[in-house]
C-alpha cells in the first residue's frame, strides 16, 4: 500500500522538532550539528531572532494579496537586490525550480522579440542541476533526471564539464544562451574557475548570446560574496536565486538586466504566491545581514578556518576521504568510502551532511556558524571517519 506521503524520498530515520542556530533537536532530545542547513537554505541558521521577529510581525498584518496589487515588501526587496547586484529588475518566485522556468522563458522571449525566433536553444553542462520541472530536467539532461519522464522538452544542448573550446563550437544561430552553475552543488561541489567564468562571459559577448547563471545553491553569501560570479569580476544577463534568499522561507528570484528582460511584458509570466508580503519581508531581513560587507568578510574568514581543518581531516583519514573541494562555505569532501556511508556515520555522531554526485558529501553550514561549532564539526566528522575506518579494518 502506498504511504500517505508520496514515496519519492529515501528519508533518514530522524524527526526534528526544533532548531537553534546551527543545531537541530530530534524528537528524542538528541542535538545534531547541522552542516546541511536544509541544503544551503538556512543561511542564518534555525530560528534566527531577527527572522522570527520579521515573520511574526508581518504575519500579524498581511500574508498574501496576489500580484494584482502593489506589494510594498516586494518592492523593498527588489530595490535591495538591484542595489546590491548587477540586476536592473527582479521577478520573485517560490523556488529555484520556478526561477529556472522563468530564466528559460526570458531568454527565448528576448530573441523572439529581436525577430530571431529560431534562437531557442540553451547550452548546459554535465553534472548540472536546475530543478525538477520539465524544463529543469531537460536542462540537466542526465538519465537519472529524465528516465521515464518523456517526451523531454527540446531546446537544450548538453556539454561536458568544462571545456571552453567545446562551448564555442556548440554555439549556433539557434543558441539563445548558456546556462551554468558557478559552483555545481548536486553535481559534487565543482567550482567553475574564475578565469573560465570570465572567458565564458567574453565568449557570450563576442558571439551575442545570453549568459544565465544558476546561483540557487551557491548564491546569497554562500561563497563569501553575495553572488558567486562576483569573484570572477563579471556579471550575467540573467541569474537564478532561491534557497538562502529566504533563510528558510520559500522564496526565489530571477535577477536580470533591462536588456535580457525586455521581452517580459504584462501577461507574459506570473506567480500566485511569488513575491508575497510574508516571504519578501523575511527576504529583506536576510539580505540586511548577508549583504553586509562585515558579514561576508566573516564568511570568508570562517571558510578559511573550516577548509584548513577539513584538509587536516582528509590527511588524517585517507581511507575515508580523498580530497577537499569547494569555495566559501560551500565545501565538499570527495570520499573513498561510499558517501552515503559517511553521511550515515555522521548521523551516528549527530552531525548532518548532504550527499552529492561524484561520491561527495556536501558541507553547507549556516553562514553564521561559530568557530567553536567548526571545531565541533571537525570533531564529530573525525569520530565518524574513525568509526568507518574501524569497521573497514574489522571486515
Protein backbone atom coordinates (compact mmCIF):
# COMPACT_ATOMS: atom_id res chain seq x y z
CA UNK A 1 0.00 0.00 0.00
CA UNK A 2 1.34 3.39 -0.94
CA UNK A 3 2.04 5.66 2.06
CA UNK A 4 0.12 8.88 2.58
CA UNK A 5 3.27 10.85 1.63
CA UNK A 6 4.30 10.04 -1.95
CA UNK A 7 7.47 7.91 -1.53
CA UNK A 8 9.85 9.95 -3.72
CA UNK A 9 12.39 10.44 -0.92
CA UNK A 10 14.55 7.93 0.92
CA UNK A 11 14.32 9.61 4.28
CA UNK A 12 16.72 9.25 7.20
CA UNK A 13 15.07 7.95 10.39
CA UNK A 14 15.13 11.27 12.28
CA UNK A 15 12.33 13.69 13.10
CA UNK A 16 13.48 17.16 14.11
CA UNK A 17 11.17 19.23 16.26
CA UNK A 18 13.23 22.34 16.99
CA UNK A 19 16.15 24.29 15.60
CA UNK A 20 18.56 26.68 17.30
CA UNK A 21 21.22 28.34 15.15
CA UNK A 22 23.41 25.56 13.76
CA UNK A 23 21.65 22.88 15.81
CA UNK A 24 18.66 20.64 15.23
CA UNK A 25 16.90 18.89 18.10
CA UNK A 26 15.43 15.47 17.45
CA UNK A 27 12.09 14.35 18.93
CA UNK A 28 14.06 12.17 21.37
CA UNK A 29 16.12 15.16 22.57
CA UNK A 30 19.37 14.48 20.71
CA UNK A 31 21.15 17.57 19.34
CA UNK A 32 22.56 17.39 15.81
CA UNK A 33 25.11 19.84 14.42
CA UNK A 34 23.60 20.85 11.09
CA UNK A 35 26.15 21.15 8.28
CA UNK A 36 23.42 20.86 5.65
CA UNK A 37 21.28 23.90 6.51
CA UNK A 38 18.31 22.42 4.68
CA UNK A 39 20.56 22.05 1.59
CA UNK A 40 22.04 25.57 1.73
CA UNK A 41 18.70 27.17 2.66
CA UNK A 42 19.05 28.27 6.29
CA UNK A 43 21.66 30.93 5.62
CA UNK A 44 21.27 32.40 9.12
CA UNK A 45 20.62 29.09 10.86
CA UNK A 46 17.47 27.93 12.56
CA UNK A 47 15.08 30.32 14.34
CA UNK A 48 17.29 33.37 13.90
CA UNK A 49 15.78 36.01 16.23
CA UNK A 50 15.61 38.71 13.55
CA UNK A 51 13.86 36.40 11.09
CA UNK A 52 11.45 35.19 13.76
CA UNK A 53 10.65 38.81 14.63
CA UNK A 54 10.12 39.81 10.99
CA UNK A 55 7.96 36.77 10.26
CA UNK A 56 5.84 37.27 13.37
CA UNK A 57 5.29 40.98 12.76
CA UNK A 58 4.41 40.52 9.09
CA UNK A 59 2.16 37.52 9.84
CA UNK A 60 0.06 39.69 12.13
CA UNK A 61 -0.55 42.17 9.32
CA UNK A 62 -0.71 40.56 5.89
CA UNK A 63 0.30 37.24 4.35
CA UNK A 64 -0.97 37.25 0.78
CA UNK A 65 -2.78 39.53 -1.64
CA UNK A 66 -1.56 38.31 -5.10
CA UNK A 67 0.36 40.23 -7.71
CA UNK A 68 -2.78 42.01 -8.90
CA UNK A 69 -1.79 44.75 -6.46
CA UNK A 70 1.25 46.72 -5.35
CA UNK A 71 3.22 44.86 -2.65
CA UNK A 72 5.49 47.23 -0.67
CA UNK A 73 7.54 44.37 0.85
CA UNK A 74 8.22 43.03 -2.65
CA UNK A 75 9.27 46.45 -3.89
CA UNK A 76 11.63 46.90 -0.94
CA UNK A 77 13.35 43.56 -1.55
CA UNK A 78 13.60 44.13 -5.28
CA UNK A 79 15.17 47.54 -4.67
CA UNK A 80 17.73 45.97 -2.31
CA UNK A 81 18.66 43.25 -4.79
CA UNK A 82 19.04 45.73 -7.64
CA UNK A 83 21.19 47.98 -5.45
CA UNK A 84 23.43 45.08 -4.38
CA UNK A 85 23.81 43.32 -7.73
CA UNK A 86 24.22 43.65 -11.50
CA UNK A 87 20.45 43.47 -12.00
CA UNK A 88 18.04 46.13 -13.21
CA UNK A 89 14.91 44.14 -12.43
CA UNK A 90 13.70 41.17 -10.34
CA UNK A 91 10.84 38.67 -10.53
CA UNK A 92 10.03 36.73 -7.35
CA UNK A 93 9.25 33.03 -7.34
CA UNK A 94 8.75 30.40 -4.64
CA UNK A 95 11.67 28.14 -5.55
CA UNK A 96 14.76 27.61 -7.65
CA UNK A 97 12.80 25.37 -9.99
CA UNK A 98 10.40 28.19 -10.80
CA UNK A 99 13.34 30.55 -11.27
CA UNK A 100 14.74 28.15 -13.87
CA UNK A 101 11.42 28.09 -15.72
CA UNK A 102 11.34 31.87 -15.97
CA UNK A 103 15.00 32.14 -16.98
CA UNK A 104 14.40 29.78 -19.90
CA UNK A 105 11.28 31.70 -20.94
CA UNK A 106 13.02 35.05 -20.58
CA UNK A 107 15.96 34.05 -22.77
CA UNK A 108 13.73 32.68 -25.52
CA UNK A 109 11.35 35.64 -25.38
CA UNK A 110 14.26 38.06 -25.69
CA UNK A 111 15.29 36.58 -29.03
CA UNK A 112 11.70 36.27 -30.22
CA UNK A 113 11.26 39.99 -29.69
CA UNK A 114 14.51 40.59 -31.59
CA UNK A 115 12.96 38.88 -34.61
CA UNK A 116 15.12 35.76 -34.17
CA UNK A 117 12.53 33.22 -33.05
CA UNK A 118 14.79 30.33 -34.10
CA UNK A 119 17.14 31.11 -31.21
CA UNK A 120 15.62 28.82 -28.59
CA UNK A 121 18.49 26.55 -27.55
CA UNK A 122 20.30 26.77 -24.24
CA UNK A 123 23.71 25.21 -23.72
CA UNK A 124 24.01 23.38 -20.38
CA UNK A 125 26.54 21.10 -18.75
CA UNK A 126 27.07 17.57 -17.48
CA UNK A 127 26.51 17.32 -13.73
CA UNK A 128 24.19 20.31 -13.64
CA UNK A 129 21.02 20.58 -11.59
CA UNK A 130 18.34 23.12 -12.42
CA UNK A 131 15.34 21.74 -10.56
CA UNK A 132 12.83 19.01 -11.31
CA UNK A 133 10.33 20.70 -13.60
CA UNK A 134 10.07 19.68 -17.26
CA UNK A 135 12.48 22.46 -18.24
CA UNK A 136 14.78 21.75 -15.29
CA UNK A 137 15.26 18.06 -16.02
CA UNK A 138 15.61 18.74 -19.74
CA UNK A 139 18.31 21.29 -18.96
CA UNK A 140 20.25 18.81 -16.81
CA UNK A 141 19.73 16.01 -19.31
CA UNK A 142 21.11 13.19 -17.16
CA UNK A 143 19.50 9.76 -17.42
CA UNK A 144 18.78 9.83 -13.68
CA UNK A 145 16.73 13.01 -14.12
CA UNK A 146 14.86 12.28 -17.34
CA UNK A 147 14.29 8.49 -17.38
CA UNK A 148 10.60 7.72 -17.53
CA UNK A 149 9.50 11.32 -17.97
CA UNK A 150 9.47 11.63 -21.75
CA UNK A 151 8.89 13.25 -24.09
CA UNK A 152 11.64 15.54 -22.88
CA UNK A 153 11.33 19.25 -23.58
CA UNK A 154 13.56 20.11 -26.55
CA UNK A 155 15.85 23.09 -26.85
CA UNK A 156 18.83 22.10 -24.68
CA UNK A 157 22.36 21.21 -25.79
CA UNK A 158 24.38 19.27 -23.19
CA UNK A 159 28.16 19.60 -22.98
CA UNK A 160 30.91 18.13 -20.82
CA UNK A 161 32.11 19.99 -17.72
CA UNK A 162 34.03 22.20 -18.63
CA UNK A 163 35.72 22.87 -21.99
CA UNK A 164 35.54 26.41 -23.39
CA UNK A 165 36.52 25.31 -26.90
CA UNK A 166 33.66 22.82 -26.87
CA UNK A 167 31.29 25.58 -25.74
CA UNK A 168 32.44 27.87 -28.54
CA UNK A 169 31.98 25.12 -31.12
CA UNK A 170 28.46 24.38 -29.83
CA UNK A 171 27.15 27.93 -30.37
CA UNK A 172 25.00 28.15 -33.48
CA UNK A 173 22.41 30.51 -34.94
CA UNK A 174 19.87 28.64 -32.76
CA UNK A 175 21.67 29.41 -29.47
CA UNK A 176 19.76 31.70 -27.13
CA UNK A 177 22.12 31.43 -24.17
CA UNK A 178 24.42 29.44 -21.94
CA UNK A 179 23.17 28.33 -18.52
CA UNK A 180 25.70 27.26 -15.92
CA UNK A 181 26.19 26.99 -12.15
CA UNK A 182 29.32 28.87 -10.99
CA UNK A 183 29.63 26.07 -8.43
CA UNK A 184 27.80 22.83 -9.11
CA UNK A 185 26.04 21.65 -5.96
CA UNK A 186 24.21 18.41 -6.71
CA UNK A 187 26.97 17.66 -9.22
CA UNK A 188 29.51 17.26 -6.41
CA UNK A 189 30.71 20.75 -5.38
CA UNK A 190 32.53 21.51 -8.62
CA UNK A 191 33.52 25.18 -8.90
CA UNK A 192 33.99 26.77 -12.28
CA UNK A 193 37.36 28.55 -12.26
CA UNK A 194 37.09 32.34 -12.15
CA UNK A 195 39.12 32.51 -15.35
CA UNK A 196 36.73 30.10 -17.08
CA UNK A 197 33.74 32.15 -15.98
CA UNK A 198 35.39 35.33 -17.24
CA UNK A 199 36.22 33.63 -20.55
CA UNK A 200 32.63 32.42 -20.81
CA UNK A 201 31.34 35.97 -20.35
CA UNK A 202 33.72 37.17 -23.04
CA UNK A 203 32.60 34.38 -25.38
CA UNK A 204 28.92 35.23 -24.85
CA UNK A 205 29.63 38.88 -25.66
CA UNK A 206 31.63 38.00 -28.73
CA UNK A 207 29.02 35.59 -30.08
CA UNK A 208 25.98 37.58 -28.98
CA UNK A 209 24.33 35.05 -26.66
CA UNK A 210 22.93 35.47 -23.15
CA UNK A 211 24.78 34.25 -20.06
CA UNK A 212 22.46 32.71 -17.46
CA UNK A 213 23.92 31.82 -14.07
CA UNK A 214 22.16 29.40 -11.76
CA UNK A 215 23.14 30.57 -8.27
CA UNK A 216 20.28 28.86 -6.45
CA UNK A 217 22.73 26.96 -4.25
CA UNK A 218 25.95 28.98 -4.50
CA UNK A 219 24.41 32.45 -4.20
CA UNK A 220 23.35 34.69 -1.31
CA UNK A 221 26.66 34.76 0.55
CA UNK A 222 27.44 31.04 0.31
CA UNK A 223 30.84 31.59 -1.36
CA UNK A 224 31.80 34.69 0.60
CA UNK A 225 30.43 37.18 -1.92
CA UNK A 226 26.74 37.99 -2.26
CA UNK A 227 26.79 36.10 -5.57
CA UNK A 228 29.50 33.66 -6.63
CA UNK A 229 30.11 35.24 -10.05
CA UNK A 230 31.42 38.37 -8.35
CA UNK A 231 34.71 36.55 -7.65
CA UNK A 232 35.33 36.45 -11.42
CA UNK A 233 34.61 40.16 -11.83
CA UNK A 234 31.83 39.55 -14.33
CA UNK A 235 28.06 39.90 -14.48
CA UNK A 236 25.47 37.63 -16.10
CA UNK A 237 22.47 38.69 -18.14
CA UNK A 238 20.09 36.55 -16.06
CA UNK A 239 20.59 34.98 -12.62
CA UNK A 240 18.57 32.36 -10.75
CA UNK A 241 18.36 32.69 -6.97
CA UNK A 242 16.48 30.82 -4.24
CA UNK A 243 17.42 28.71 -1.18
CA UNK A 244 19.37 31.11 1.09
CA UNK A 245 17.48 34.18 -0.11
CA UNK A 246 14.54 33.34 2.16
CA UNK A 247 16.56 31.99 5.08
CA UNK A 248 14.16 29.04 5.30
CA UNK A 249 11.02 30.68 4.00
CA UNK A 250 10.13 29.50 0.45
CA UNK A 251 11.42 32.26 -1.80
CA UNK A 252 13.20 32.50 -5.12
CA UNK A 253 14.03 35.19 -7.64
CA UNK A 254 15.19 35.84 -11.17
CA UNK A 255 17.50 38.83 -11.49
CA UNK A 256 18.10 40.29 -14.94
CA UNK A 257 19.44 43.20 -16.90
CA UNK A 258 16.98 45.52 -18.61
CA UNK A 259 18.13 44.16 -21.96
CA UNK A 260 17.62 40.48 -21.11
CA UNK A 261 14.22 41.13 -19.51
CA UNK A 262 12.95 43.39 -22.29
CA UNK A 263 10.61 40.77 -23.73
CA UNK A 264 8.83 40.10 -20.43
CA UNK A 265 5.87 42.46 -20.51
CA UNK A 266 2.46 42.39 -18.79
CA UNK A 267 0.88 38.95 -19.12
CA UNK A 268 4.00 37.06 -20.20
CA UNK A 269 4.63 35.48 -16.79
CA UNK A 270 3.05 35.27 -13.37
CA UNK A 271 3.00 33.58 -9.98
CA UNK A 272 0.18 33.32 -7.46
CA UNK A 273 2.40 33.15 -4.36
CA UNK A 274 5.63 34.61 -5.75
CA UNK A 275 6.67 37.83 -4.04
CA UNK A 276 4.07 37.60 -1.28
CA UNK A 277 4.40 40.05 1.65
CA UNK A 278 5.45 37.34 4.13
CA UNK A 279 8.27 35.89 2.03
CA UNK A 280 9.60 39.24 0.87
CA UNK A 281 9.63 40.68 4.39
CA UNK A 282 11.76 37.75 5.54
CA UNK A 283 13.97 38.01 2.44
CA UNK A 284 14.68 41.66 3.15
CA UNK A 285 15.86 40.82 6.65
CA UNK A 286 18.07 38.02 5.32
CA UNK A 287 19.64 40.44 2.85
CA UNK A 288 20.25 43.08 5.54
CA UNK A 289 22.57 40.57 7.23
CA UNK A 290 24.08 38.62 4.33
CA UNK A 291 24.84 41.58 2.03
CA UNK A 292 26.73 43.45 4.75
CA UNK A 293 30.49 43.60 3.97
CA UNK A 294 31.43 42.68 7.53
CA UNK A 295 29.18 39.59 7.40
CA UNK A 296 30.71 38.43 4.10
CA UNK A 297 34.20 39.04 5.49
CA UNK A 298 33.33 36.72 8.38
CA UNK A 299 32.04 34.09 5.95
CA UNK A 300 35.40 34.19 4.19
CA UNK A 301 37.36 34.01 7.43
CA UNK A 302 35.34 31.07 8.70
CA UNK A 303 35.55 29.37 5.31
CA UNK A 304 39.35 29.55 5.51
CA UNK A 305 39.33 28.13 9.04
CA UNK A 306 36.92 25.32 8.14
CA UNK A 307 38.83 24.44 4.96
CA UNK A 308 42.15 24.29 6.83
CA UNK A 309 40.72 21.94 9.43
CA UNK A 310 38.96 19.81 6.81
CA UNK A 311 42.23 19.44 4.91
CA UNK A 312 43.68 18.01 8.10
CA UNK A 313 40.74 15.62 8.36
CA UNK A 314 41.33 14.40 4.79
CA UNK A 315 45.02 13.87 5.53
CA UNK A 316 44.20 12.04 8.76
CA UNK A 317 41.73 9.60 7.23
CA UNK A 318 42.97 8.80 3.71
CA UNK A 319 40.98 5.56 3.64
CA UNK A 320 37.73 7.53 4.10
CA UNK A 321 38.40 10.85 2.33
CA UNK A 322 40.18 11.58 -0.92
CA UNK A 323 40.02 15.35 -1.39
CA UNK A 324 38.51 18.66 -0.31
CA UNK A 325 36.86 20.92 -2.85
CA UNK A 326 34.64 23.99 -2.97
CA UNK A 327 34.65 27.67 -2.16
CA UNK A 328 33.46 29.68 0.84
CA UNK A 329 31.07 27.68 2.99
CA UNK A 330 30.07 25.52 0.03
CA UNK A 331 32.50 22.68 0.60
CA UNK A 332 32.67 19.06 -0.45
CA UNK A 333 34.60 16.05 0.76
CA UNK A 334 35.32 13.61 -2.05
CA UNK A 335 35.12 10.22 -0.35
CA UNK A 336 36.90 6.90 -0.80
CA UNK A 337 34.28 5.19 1.33
CA UNK A 338 30.74 5.31 -0.05
CA UNK A 339 29.45 8.84 0.57
CA UNK A 340 26.11 7.51 1.82
CA UNK A 341 28.00 5.52 4.45
CA UNK A 342 29.88 8.66 5.50
CA UNK A 343 26.61 10.57 5.82
CA UNK A 344 25.12 7.76 7.91
CA UNK A 345 28.21 7.56 10.13
CA UNK A 346 27.78 11.29 10.65
CA UNK A 347 24.20 10.75 11.78
CA UNK A 348 25.51 8.30 14.38
CA UNK A 349 27.81 11.06 15.65
CA UNK A 350 24.97 13.60 15.48
CA UNK A 351 26.37 15.69 12.63
CA UNK A 352 24.43 16.30 9.41
CA UNK A 353 25.99 16.36 5.95
CA UNK A 354 24.41 16.01 2.49
CA UNK A 355 25.36 13.54 -0.23
CA UNK A 356 26.08 14.69 -3.78
CA UNK A 357 27.26 13.18 -7.07
CA UNK A 358 30.84 12.02 -7.65
CA UNK A 359 30.87 10.31 -4.22
CA UNK A 360 30.98 13.65 -2.42
CA UNK A 361 29.44 14.79 0.84
CA UNK A 362 28.43 18.44 0.99
CA UNK A 363 29.16 20.73 3.92
CA UNK A 364 26.77 23.68 3.70
CA UNK A 365 26.52 25.06 7.23
CA UNK A 366 24.63 28.21 8.21
CA UNK A 367 26.77 31.18 7.20
CA UNK A 368 26.88 32.37 10.83
CA UNK A 369 28.40 29.14 12.17
CA UNK A 370 30.80 29.93 15.02
CA UNK A 371 34.47 28.97 15.34
CA UNK A 372 33.57 26.69 18.24
CA UNK A 373 30.95 24.96 16.09
CA UNK A 374 33.50 24.49 13.32
CA UNK A 375 35.77 22.77 15.87
CA UNK A 376 32.86 20.62 17.00
CA UNK A 377 32.04 19.76 13.38
CA UNK A 378 35.60 18.55 12.78
CA UNK A 379 35.50 16.51 16.00
CA UNK A 380 32.26 14.78 15.03
CA UNK A 381 33.34 14.17 11.44
CA UNK A 382 36.61 12.69 12.74
CA UNK A 383 34.68 10.32 15.01
CA UNK A 384 32.52 9.29 12.07
CA UNK A 385 35.64 8.66 9.96
CA UNK A 386 37.24 6.73 12.82
CA UNK A 387 34.15 4.54 13.02
CA UNK A 388 34.22 3.84 9.29
CA UNK A 389 37.95 3.07 9.36
CA UNK A 390 37.48 0.65 12.26
CA UNK A 391 34.56 -1.06 10.51
CA UNK A 392 36.58 -1.46 7.30
CA UNK A 393 39.53 -2.91 9.24
CA UNK A 394 37.25 -5.33 11.08
CA UNK A 395 35.97 -6.65 7.79
